[in-house]
């Protein structure tokens, strides 16, 4: 994390020195600060959050800092977070949060660049919270089932169960703990400052045209 913070600040300092007028940054929220130090292991959030705050602290009107903050990657549900096949042939998505927990999801391959383009071409230079839809984990399962034709159930598991699963899958213990805290933080506090204040008022754009959106992203993935 310290290296990421140092490099992020270095990029900003170099941009200011070169008189760059618009600096677009892919940041995240300062999880350690916003949680009152309850979640202190989410380094990929806190590090980017510190750099974001540094960029916004640069004085003067000649340097504009815009944070284009990504939602959770939809592609995760075709990888590490994909539903797992059970003995009876059905599938199960097991996560350490309730099925009613919601999060903003982003199709990074198709849509993230569109949000960046909006930040460049838009008349208002403001932070953008990039996502396609805000959806519960129960609805994630429903969309995946609809496009795959598979029977998929959602199961809430404990902290220890989730961490042990990740470690068994080859993740280092510290990464497993970081990922657990990330989901707990998003469930309890929210992905970003705006999402915390206005939980259901993200403004989707990009390629969101049909339903199911997540299902479209995962349609080519075969559950086996």
C-alpha atoms as a PDB file:
ATOM      1  CA  UNK A   1       0.000   0.000   0.000  1.00  0.00           C
ATOM      2  CA  UNK A   2       2.795   2.428   0.841  1.00  0.00           C
ATOM      3  CA  UNK A   3       4.259   2.033  -2.632  1.00  0.00           C
ATOM      4  CA  UNK A   4       0.885   2.675  -4.265  1.00  0.00           C
ATOM      5  CA  UNK A   5       0.406   5.815  -2.171  1.00  0.00           C
ATOM      6  CA  UNK A   6       3.902   7.097  -2.972  1.00  0.00           C
ATOM      7  CA  UNK A   7       3.519   6.440  -6.692  1.00  0.00           C
ATOM      8  CA  UNK A   8       0.039   7.973  -6.806  1.00  0.00           C
ATOM      9  CA  UNK A   9       1.248  11.163  -5.154  1.00  0.00           C
ATOM     10  CA  UNK A  10       4.265  11.208  -7.484  1.00  0.00           C
ATOM     11  CA  UNK A  11       1.967  11.038 -10.528  1.00  0.00           C
ATOM     12  CA  UNK A  12      -0.074  13.956  -9.216  1.00  0.00           C
ATOM     13  CA  UNK A  13       3.016  16.034  -8.418  1.00  0.00           C
ATOM     14  CA  UNK A  14       4.401  15.360 -11.903  1.00  0.00           C
ATOM     15  CA  UNK A  15       1.095  16.361 -13.505  1.00  0.00           C
ATOM     16  CA  UNK A  16       1.006  19.612 -11.534  1.00  0.00           C
ATOM     17  CA  UNK A  17       4.612  20.386 -12.490  1.00  0.00           C
ATOM     18  CA  UNK A  18       3.794  19.729 -16.155  1.00  0.00           C
ATOM     19  CA  UNK A  19       0.743  22.015 -15.895  1.00  0.00           C
ATOM     20  CA  UNK A  20      -1.700  19.239 -16.756  1.00  0.00           C
ATOM     21  CA  UNK A  21      -5.196  20.720 -16.642  1.00  0.00           C
ATOM     22  CA  UNK A  22      -7.241  17.535 -16.120  1.00  0.00           C
ATOM     23  CA  UNK A  23      -6.082  14.533 -14.086  1.00  0.00           C
ATOM     24  CA  UNK A  24      -8.397  11.499 -14.157  1.00  0.00           C
ATOM     25  CA  UNK A  25      -7.859   9.011 -11.355  1.00  0.00           C
ATOM     26  CA  UNK A  26      -9.377   5.604 -10.611  1.00  0.00           C
ATOM     27  CA  UNK A  27      -9.798   5.845  -6.855  1.00  0.00           C
ATOM     28  CA  UNK A  28     -11.646   4.133  -4.036  1.00  0.00           C
ATOM     29  CA  UNK A  29     -12.833   5.230  -0.616  1.00  0.00           C
ATOM     30  CA  UNK A  30     -10.566   5.538   2.440  1.00  0.00           C
ATOM     31  CA  UNK A  31     -11.953   2.432   4.141  1.00  0.00           C
ATOM     32  CA  UNK A  32      -9.862   2.712   7.284  1.00  0.00           C
ATOM     33  CA  UNK A  33     -10.966   6.287   7.948  1.00  0.00           C
ATOM     34  CA  UNK A  34     -14.612   5.910   6.929  1.00  0.00           C
ATOM     35  CA  UNK A  35     -15.029   2.823   9.111  1.00  0.00           C
ATOM     36  CA  UNK A  36     -13.496   4.474  12.170  1.00  0.00           C
ATOM     37  CA  UNK A  37     -10.595   2.008  11.885  1.00  0.00           C
ATOM     38  CA  UNK A  38     -12.937  -0.964  12.109  1.00  0.00           C
ATOM     39  CA  UNK A  39     -11.626  -2.233   8.775  1.00  0.00           C
ATOM     40  CA  UNK A  40      -7.863  -1.737   8.639  1.00  0.00           C
ATOM     41  CA  UNK A  41      -6.841  -4.457   6.185  1.00  0.00           C
ATOM     42  CA  UNK A  42      -8.508  -3.186   2.974  1.00  0.00           C
ATOM     43  CA  UNK A  43      -5.271  -1.811   1.581  1.00  0.00           C
ATOM     44  CA  UNK A  44      -6.429  -1.500  -2.022  1.00  0.00           C
ATOM     45  CA  UNK A  45      -9.244   0.804  -0.847  1.00  0.00           C
ATOM     46  CA  UNK A  46      -7.384   2.836   1.762  1.00  0.00           C
ATOM     47  CA  UNK A  47      -4.312   3.384  -0.415  1.00  0.00           C
ATOM     48  CA  UNK A  48      -6.353   4.724  -3.317  1.00  0.00           C
ATOM     49  CA  UNK A  49      -8.462   6.759  -0.889  1.00  0.00           C
ATOM     50  CA  UNK A  50      -5.369   8.502   0.474  1.00  0.00           C
ATOM     51  CA  UNK A  51      -4.191   9.350  -3.054  1.00  0.00           C
ATOM     52  CA  UNK A  52      -7.674  10.624  -3.938  1.00  0.00           C
ATOM     53  CA  UNK A  53      -7.657  12.958  -0.951  1.00  0.00           C
ATOM     54  CA  UNK A  54      -4.169  14.157  -1.900  1.00  0.00           C
ATOM     55  CA  UNK A  55      -5.269  14.947  -5.453  1.00  0.00           C
ATOM     56  CA  UNK A  56      -8.280  16.882  -4.240  1.00  0.00           C
ATOM     57  CA  UNK A  57      -6.068  18.911  -1.896  1.00  0.00           C
ATOM     58  CA  UNK A  58      -4.031  20.438  -4.730  1.00  0.00           C
ATOM     59  CA  UNK A  59      -4.826  24.181  -4.722  1.00  0.00           C
ATOM     60  CA  UNK A  60      -5.619  26.353  -7.722  1.00  0.00           C
ATOM     61  CA  UNK A  61      -8.094  26.321 -10.587  1.00  0.00           C
ATOM     62  CA  UNK A  62      -5.569  25.268 -13.239  1.00  0.00           C
ATOM     63  CA  UNK A  63      -5.383  21.659 -12.004  1.00  0.00           C
ATOM     64  CA  UNK A  64      -8.632  19.694 -12.029  1.00  0.00           C
ATOM     65  CA  UNK A  65      -8.686  16.296 -10.320  1.00  0.00           C
ATOM     66  CA  UNK A  66     -11.541  13.931 -11.219  1.00  0.00           C
ATOM     67  CA  UNK A  67     -12.070  10.564  -9.547  1.00  0.00           C
ATOM     68  CA  UNK A  68     -13.789   7.962 -11.752  1.00  0.00           C
ATOM     69  CA  UNK A  69     -14.538   5.336  -9.126  1.00  0.00           C
ATOM     70  CA  UNK A  70     -15.366   1.820 -10.292  1.00  0.00           C
ATOM     71  CA  UNK A  71     -18.069  -0.381  -8.867  1.00  0.00           C
ATOM     72  CA  UNK A  72     -17.415  -4.050  -8.163  1.00  0.00           C
ATOM     73  CA  UNK A  73     -16.279  -5.863 -11.294  1.00  0.00           C
ATOM     74  CA  UNK A  74     -18.986  -8.034 -12.825  1.00  0.00           C
ATOM     75  CA  UNK A  75     -16.288 -10.287 -14.265  1.00  0.00           C
ATOM     76  CA  UNK A  76     -15.573 -11.448 -10.698  1.00  0.00           C
ATOM     77  CA  UNK A  77     -18.670 -13.621 -10.953  1.00  0.00           C
ATOM     78  CA  UNK A  78     -17.028 -15.636 -13.731  1.00  0.00           C
ATOM     79  CA  UNK A  79     -13.845 -16.123 -11.681  1.00  0.00           C
ATOM     80  CA  UNK A  80     -13.108 -16.307  -7.974  1.00  0.00           C
ATOM     81  CA  UNK A  81     -16.691 -15.397  -7.023  1.00  0.00           C
ATOM     82  CA  UNK A  82     -18.348 -17.708  -9.538  1.00  0.00           C
ATOM     83  CA  UNK A  83     -21.022 -20.073  -8.178  1.00  0.00           C
ATOM     84  CA  UNK A  84     -19.603 -23.492  -7.292  1.00  0.00           C
ATOM     85  CA  UNK A  85     -21.088 -26.794  -8.371  1.00  0.00           C
ATOM     86  CA  UNK A  86     -22.655 -28.896  -5.615  1.00  0.00           C
ATOM     87  CA  UNK A  87     -22.945 -32.674  -5.300  1.00  0.00           C
ATOM     88  CA  UNK A  88     -26.523 -32.665  -6.617  1.00  0.00           C
ATOM     89  CA  UNK A  89     -25.518 -30.797  -9.784  1.00  0.00           C
ATOM     90  CA  UNK A  90     -26.859 -27.419  -8.694  1.00  0.00           C
ATOM     91  CA  UNK A  91     -24.672 -24.375  -8.017  1.00  0.00           C
ATOM     92  CA  UNK A  92     -24.155 -22.164  -4.996  1.00  0.00           C
ATOM     93  CA  UNK A  93     -22.836 -18.629  -4.590  1.00  0.00           C
ATOM     94  CA  UNK A  94     -21.444 -18.332  -1.057  1.00  0.00           C
ATOM     95  CA  UNK A  95     -20.487 -14.883   0.247  1.00  0.00           C
ATOM     96  CA  UNK A  96     -19.925 -13.400   3.733  1.00  0.00           C
ATOM     97  CA  UNK A  97     -22.841 -10.942   3.471  1.00  0.00           C
ATOM     98  CA  UNK A  98     -26.648 -11.303   3.492  1.00  0.00           C
ATOM     99  CA  UNK A  99     -28.408 -12.003   0.219  1.00  0.00           C
ATOM    100  CA  UNK A 100     -30.203  -8.670   0.616  1.00  0.00           C
ATOM    101  CA  UNK A 101     -26.887  -6.773   0.673  1.00  0.00           C
ATOM    102  CA  UNK A 102     -26.545  -4.547  -2.398  1.00  0.00           C
ATOM    103  CA  UNK A 103     -23.573  -3.197  -4.321  1.00  0.00           C
ATOM    104  CA  UNK A 104     -22.999  -1.244  -7.553  1.00  0.00           C
ATOM    105  CA  UNK A 105     -21.558  -3.469 -10.285  1.00  0.00           C
ATOM    106  CA  UNK A 106     -19.547  -2.432 -13.350  1.00  0.00           C
ATOM    107  CA  UNK A 107     -18.861  -4.123 -16.677  1.00  0.00           C
ATOM    108  CA  UNK A 108     -15.269  -2.901 -16.820  1.00  0.00           C
ATOM    109  CA  UNK A 109     -14.457  -4.180 -20.306  1.00  0.00           C
ATOM    110  CA  UNK A 110     -17.425  -2.495 -22.020  1.00  0.00           C
ATOM    111  CA  UNK A 111     -18.314   0.466 -19.829  1.00  0.00           C
ATOM    112  CA  UNK A 112     -15.455   1.860 -17.770  1.00  0.00           C
ATOM    113  CA  UNK A 113     -13.983   3.739 -20.724  1.00  0.00           C
ATOM    114  CA  UNK A 114     -17.362   5.364 -21.371  1.00  0.00           C
ATOM    115  CA  UNK A 115     -17.381   6.842 -17.891  1.00  0.00           C
ATOM    116  CA  UNK A 116     -13.852   8.176 -18.411  1.00  0.00           C
ATOM    117  CA  UNK A 117     -14.958   9.688 -21.714  1.00  0.00           C
ATOM    118  CA  UNK A 118     -17.867  11.331 -19.934  1.00  0.00           C
ATOM    119  CA  UNK A 119     -15.460  12.901 -17.446  1.00  0.00           C
ATOM    120  CA  UNK A 120     -13.426  14.350 -20.331  1.00  0.00           C
ATOM    121  CA  UNK A 121     -16.280  15.565 -22.504  1.00  0.00           C
ATOM    122  CA  UNK A 122     -18.724  16.608 -19.783  1.00  0.00           C
ATOM    123  CA  UNK A 123     -19.254  20.263 -19.037  1.00  0.00           C
ATOM    124  CA  UNK A 124     -19.064  19.636 -15.282  1.00  0.00           C
ATOM    125  CA  UNK A 125     -15.789  18.300 -13.935  1.00  0.00           C
ATOM    126  CA  UNK A 126     -17.084  16.184 -11.083  1.00  0.00           C
ATOM    127  CA  UNK A 127     -16.414  12.775  -9.632  1.00  0.00           C
ATOM    128  CA  UNK A 128     -18.111   9.896 -11.414  1.00  0.00           C
ATOM    129  CA  UNK A 129     -19.204   6.668  -9.729  1.00  0.00           C
ATOM    130  CA  UNK A 130     -19.041   4.134 -12.536  1.00  0.00           C
ATOM    131  CA  UNK A 131     -21.513   1.268 -12.454  1.00  0.00           C
ATOM    132  CA  UNK A 132     -24.226  -0.368 -14.504  1.00  0.00           C
ATOM    133  CA  UNK A 133     -26.702  -1.280 -11.800  1.00  0.00           C
ATOM    134  CA  UNK A 134     -27.107  -1.581  -8.055  1.00  0.00           C
ATOM    135  CA  UNK A 135     -28.154  -5.113  -7.266  1.00  0.00           C
ATOM    136  CA  UNK A 136     -28.517  -7.488  -4.334  1.00  0.00           C
ATOM    137  CA  UNK A 137     -26.644 -10.768  -4.155  1.00  0.00           C
ATOM    138  CA  UNK A 138     -29.957 -12.603  -4.302  1.00  0.00           C
ATOM    139  CA  UNK A 139     -30.699 -10.849  -7.602  1.00  0.00           C
ATOM    140  CA  UNK A 140     -27.183 -11.607  -8.849  1.00  0.00           C
ATOM    141  CA  UNK A 141     -27.982 -15.292  -8.390  1.00  0.00           C
ATOM    142  CA  UNK A 142     -31.336 -14.863 -10.149  1.00  0.00           C
ATOM    143  CA  UNK A 143     -29.708 -13.192 -13.164  1.00  0.00           C
ATOM    144  CA  UNK A 144     -26.978 -15.809 -13.422  1.00  0.00           C
ATOM    145  CA  UNK A 145     -29.563 -18.582 -13.216  1.00  0.00           C
ATOM    146  CA  UNK A 146     -31.660 -16.923 -15.926  1.00  0.00           C
ATOM    147  CA  UNK A 147     -28.849 -16.739 -18.492  1.00  0.00           C
ATOM    148  CA  UNK A 148     -27.162 -20.067 -17.698  1.00  0.00           C
ATOM    149  CA  UNK A 149     -30.272 -22.160 -17.199  1.00  0.00           C
ATOM    150  CA  UNK A 150     -28.701 -23.594 -14.056  1.00  0.00           C
ATOM    151  CA  UNK A 151     -30.203 -23.954 -10.601  1.00  0.00           C
ATOM    152  CA  UNK A 152     -28.233 -21.531  -8.411  1.00  0.00           C
ATOM    153  CA  UNK A 153     -28.743 -20.760  -4.720  1.00  0.00           C
ATOM    154  CA  UNK A 154     -27.266 -18.050  -2.531  1.00  0.00           C
ATOM    155  CA  UNK A 155     -25.711 -18.875   0.834  1.00  0.00           C
ATOM    156  CA  UNK A 156     -24.433 -16.456   3.461  1.00  0.00           C
ATOM    157  CA  UNK A 157     -21.311 -17.836   5.126  1.00  0.00           C
ATOM    158  CA  UNK A 158     -19.252 -16.746   8.123  1.00  0.00           C
ATOM    159  CA  UNK A 159     -16.010 -14.793   8.123  1.00  0.00           C
ATOM    160  CA  UNK A 160     -13.981 -17.905   8.923  1.00  0.00           C
ATOM    161  CA  UNK A 161     -15.713 -19.980   6.253  1.00  0.00           C
ATOM    162  CA  UNK A 162     -15.034 -17.344   3.600  1.00  0.00           C
ATOM    163  CA  UNK A 163     -11.390 -16.842   4.569  1.00  0.00           C
ATOM    164  CA  UNK A 164     -10.770 -20.593   4.738  1.00  0.00           C
ATOM    165  CA  UNK A 165     -12.326 -21.007   1.284  1.00  0.00           C
ATOM    166  CA  UNK A 166     -10.020 -18.368  -0.219  1.00  0.00           C
ATOM    167  CA  UNK A 167      -6.940 -19.816   1.466  1.00  0.00           C
ATOM    168  CA  UNK A 168      -7.854 -23.283   0.167  1.00  0.00           C
ATOM    169  CA  UNK A 169      -8.157 -21.730  -3.306  1.00  0.00           C
ATOM    170  CA  UNK A 170      -4.574 -20.487  -3.053  1.00  0.00           C
ATOM    171  CA  UNK A 171      -4.977 -16.942  -1.750  1.00  0.00           C
ATOM    172  CA  UNK A 172      -2.545 -15.757   0.949  1.00  0.00           C
ATOM    173  CA  UNK A 173      -4.107 -15.299   4.395  1.00  0.00           C
ATOM    174  CA  UNK A 174      -3.660 -11.505   4.293  1.00  0.00           C
ATOM    175  CA  UNK A 175      -5.418 -11.276   0.915  1.00  0.00           C
ATOM    176  CA  UNK A 176      -8.255 -13.480   2.145  1.00  0.00           C
ATOM    177  CA  UNK A 177      -8.735 -11.208   5.166  1.00  0.00           C
ATOM    178  CA  UNK A 178      -8.600  -8.119   2.956  1.00  0.00           C
ATOM    179  CA  UNK A 179     -11.288  -9.480   0.651  1.00  0.00           C
ATOM    180  CA  UNK A 180     -13.505 -10.449   3.583  1.00  0.00           C
ATOM    181  CA  UNK A 181     -13.209  -6.968   5.078  1.00  0.00           C
ATOM    182  CA  UNK A 182     -13.944  -5.423   1.679  1.00  0.00           C
ATOM    183  CA  UNK A 183     -17.311  -7.156   1.420  1.00  0.00           C
ATOM    184  CA  UNK A 184     -18.113  -6.448   5.072  1.00  0.00           C
ATOM    185  CA  UNK A 185     -17.222  -2.774   4.579  1.00  0.00           C
ATOM    186  CA  UNK A 186     -19.358  -2.425   1.453  1.00  0.00           C
ATOM    187  CA  UNK A 187     -22.273  -4.143   3.193  1.00  0.00           C
ATOM    188  CA  UNK A 188     -22.040  -2.027   6.337  1.00  0.00           C
ATOM    189  CA  UNK A 189     -20.860   1.348   5.064  1.00  0.00           C
ATOM    190  CA  UNK A 190     -20.988   1.401   1.269  1.00  0.00           C
ATOM    191  CA  UNK A 191     -18.551   1.378  -1.610  1.00  0.00           C
ATOM    192  CA  UNK A 192     -17.981   5.137  -1.790  1.00  0.00           C
ATOM    193  CA  UNK A 193     -18.836   8.365  -0.006  1.00  0.00           C
ATOM    194  CA  UNK A 194     -21.695   9.086  -2.389  1.00  0.00           C
ATOM    195  CA  UNK A 195     -23.046   5.570  -2.106  1.00  0.00           C
ATOM    196  CA  UNK A 196     -23.073   5.922   1.673  1.00  0.00           C
ATOM    197  CA  UNK A 197     -25.061   9.154   1.570  1.00  0.00           C
ATOM    198  CA  UNK A 198     -27.521   8.250  -1.192  1.00  0.00           C
ATOM    199  CA  UNK A 199     -27.676   4.501  -1.203  1.00  0.00           C
ATOM    200  CA  UNK A 200     -30.054   4.100  -4.130  1.00  0.00           C
ATOM    201  CA  UNK A 201     -29.303   7.183  -6.219  1.00  0.00           C
ATOM    202  CA  UNK A 202     -26.370   6.188  -8.366  1.00  0.00           C
ATOM    203  CA  UNK A 203     -26.998   7.297 -11.937  1.00  0.00           C
ATOM    204  CA  UNK A 204     -26.246   4.429 -14.307  1.00  0.00           C
ATOM    205  CA  UNK A 205     -24.926   5.044 -17.796  1.00  0.00           C
ATOM    206  CA  UNK A 206     -22.760   3.141 -20.224  1.00  0.00           C
ATOM    207  CA  UNK A 207     -24.190   0.086 -21.966  1.00  0.00           C
ATOM    208  CA  UNK A 208     -27.098  -0.531 -19.583  1.00  0.00           C
ATOM    209  CA  UNK A 209     -29.878  -1.101 -22.092  1.00  0.00           C
ATOM    210  CA  UNK A 210     -31.495  -4.429 -21.346  1.00  0.00           C
ATOM    211  CA  UNK A 211     -32.196  -6.896 -18.605  1.00  0.00           C
ATOM    212  CA  UNK A 212     -30.444  -8.678 -17.141  1.00  0.00           C
ATOM    213  CA  UNK A 213     -27.338  -6.476 -17.216  1.00  0.00           C
ATOM    214  CA  UNK A 214     -25.105  -8.712 -15.108  1.00  0.00           C
ATOM    215  CA  UNK A 215     -26.466 -11.685 -16.983  1.00  0.00           C
ATOM    216  CA  UNK A 216     -25.350 -10.180 -20.291  1.00  0.00           C
ATOM    217  CA  UNK A 217     -21.824  -9.810 -18.940  1.00  0.00           C
ATOM    218  CA  UNK A 218     -21.716 -13.411 -17.720  1.00  0.00           C
ATOM    219  CA  UNK A 219     -23.675 -14.973 -20.581  1.00  0.00           C
ATOM    220  CA  UNK A 220     -20.612 -16.452 -22.287  1.00  0.00           C
ATOM    221  CA  UNK A 221     -19.392 -18.062 -19.060  1.00  0.00           C
ATOM    222  CA  UNK A 222     -20.230 -21.735 -18.728  1.00  0.00           C
ATOM    223  CA  UNK A 223     -20.945 -23.088 -15.274  1.00  0.00           C
ATOM    224  CA  UNK A 224     -19.529 -26.590 -15.075  1.00  0.00           C
END
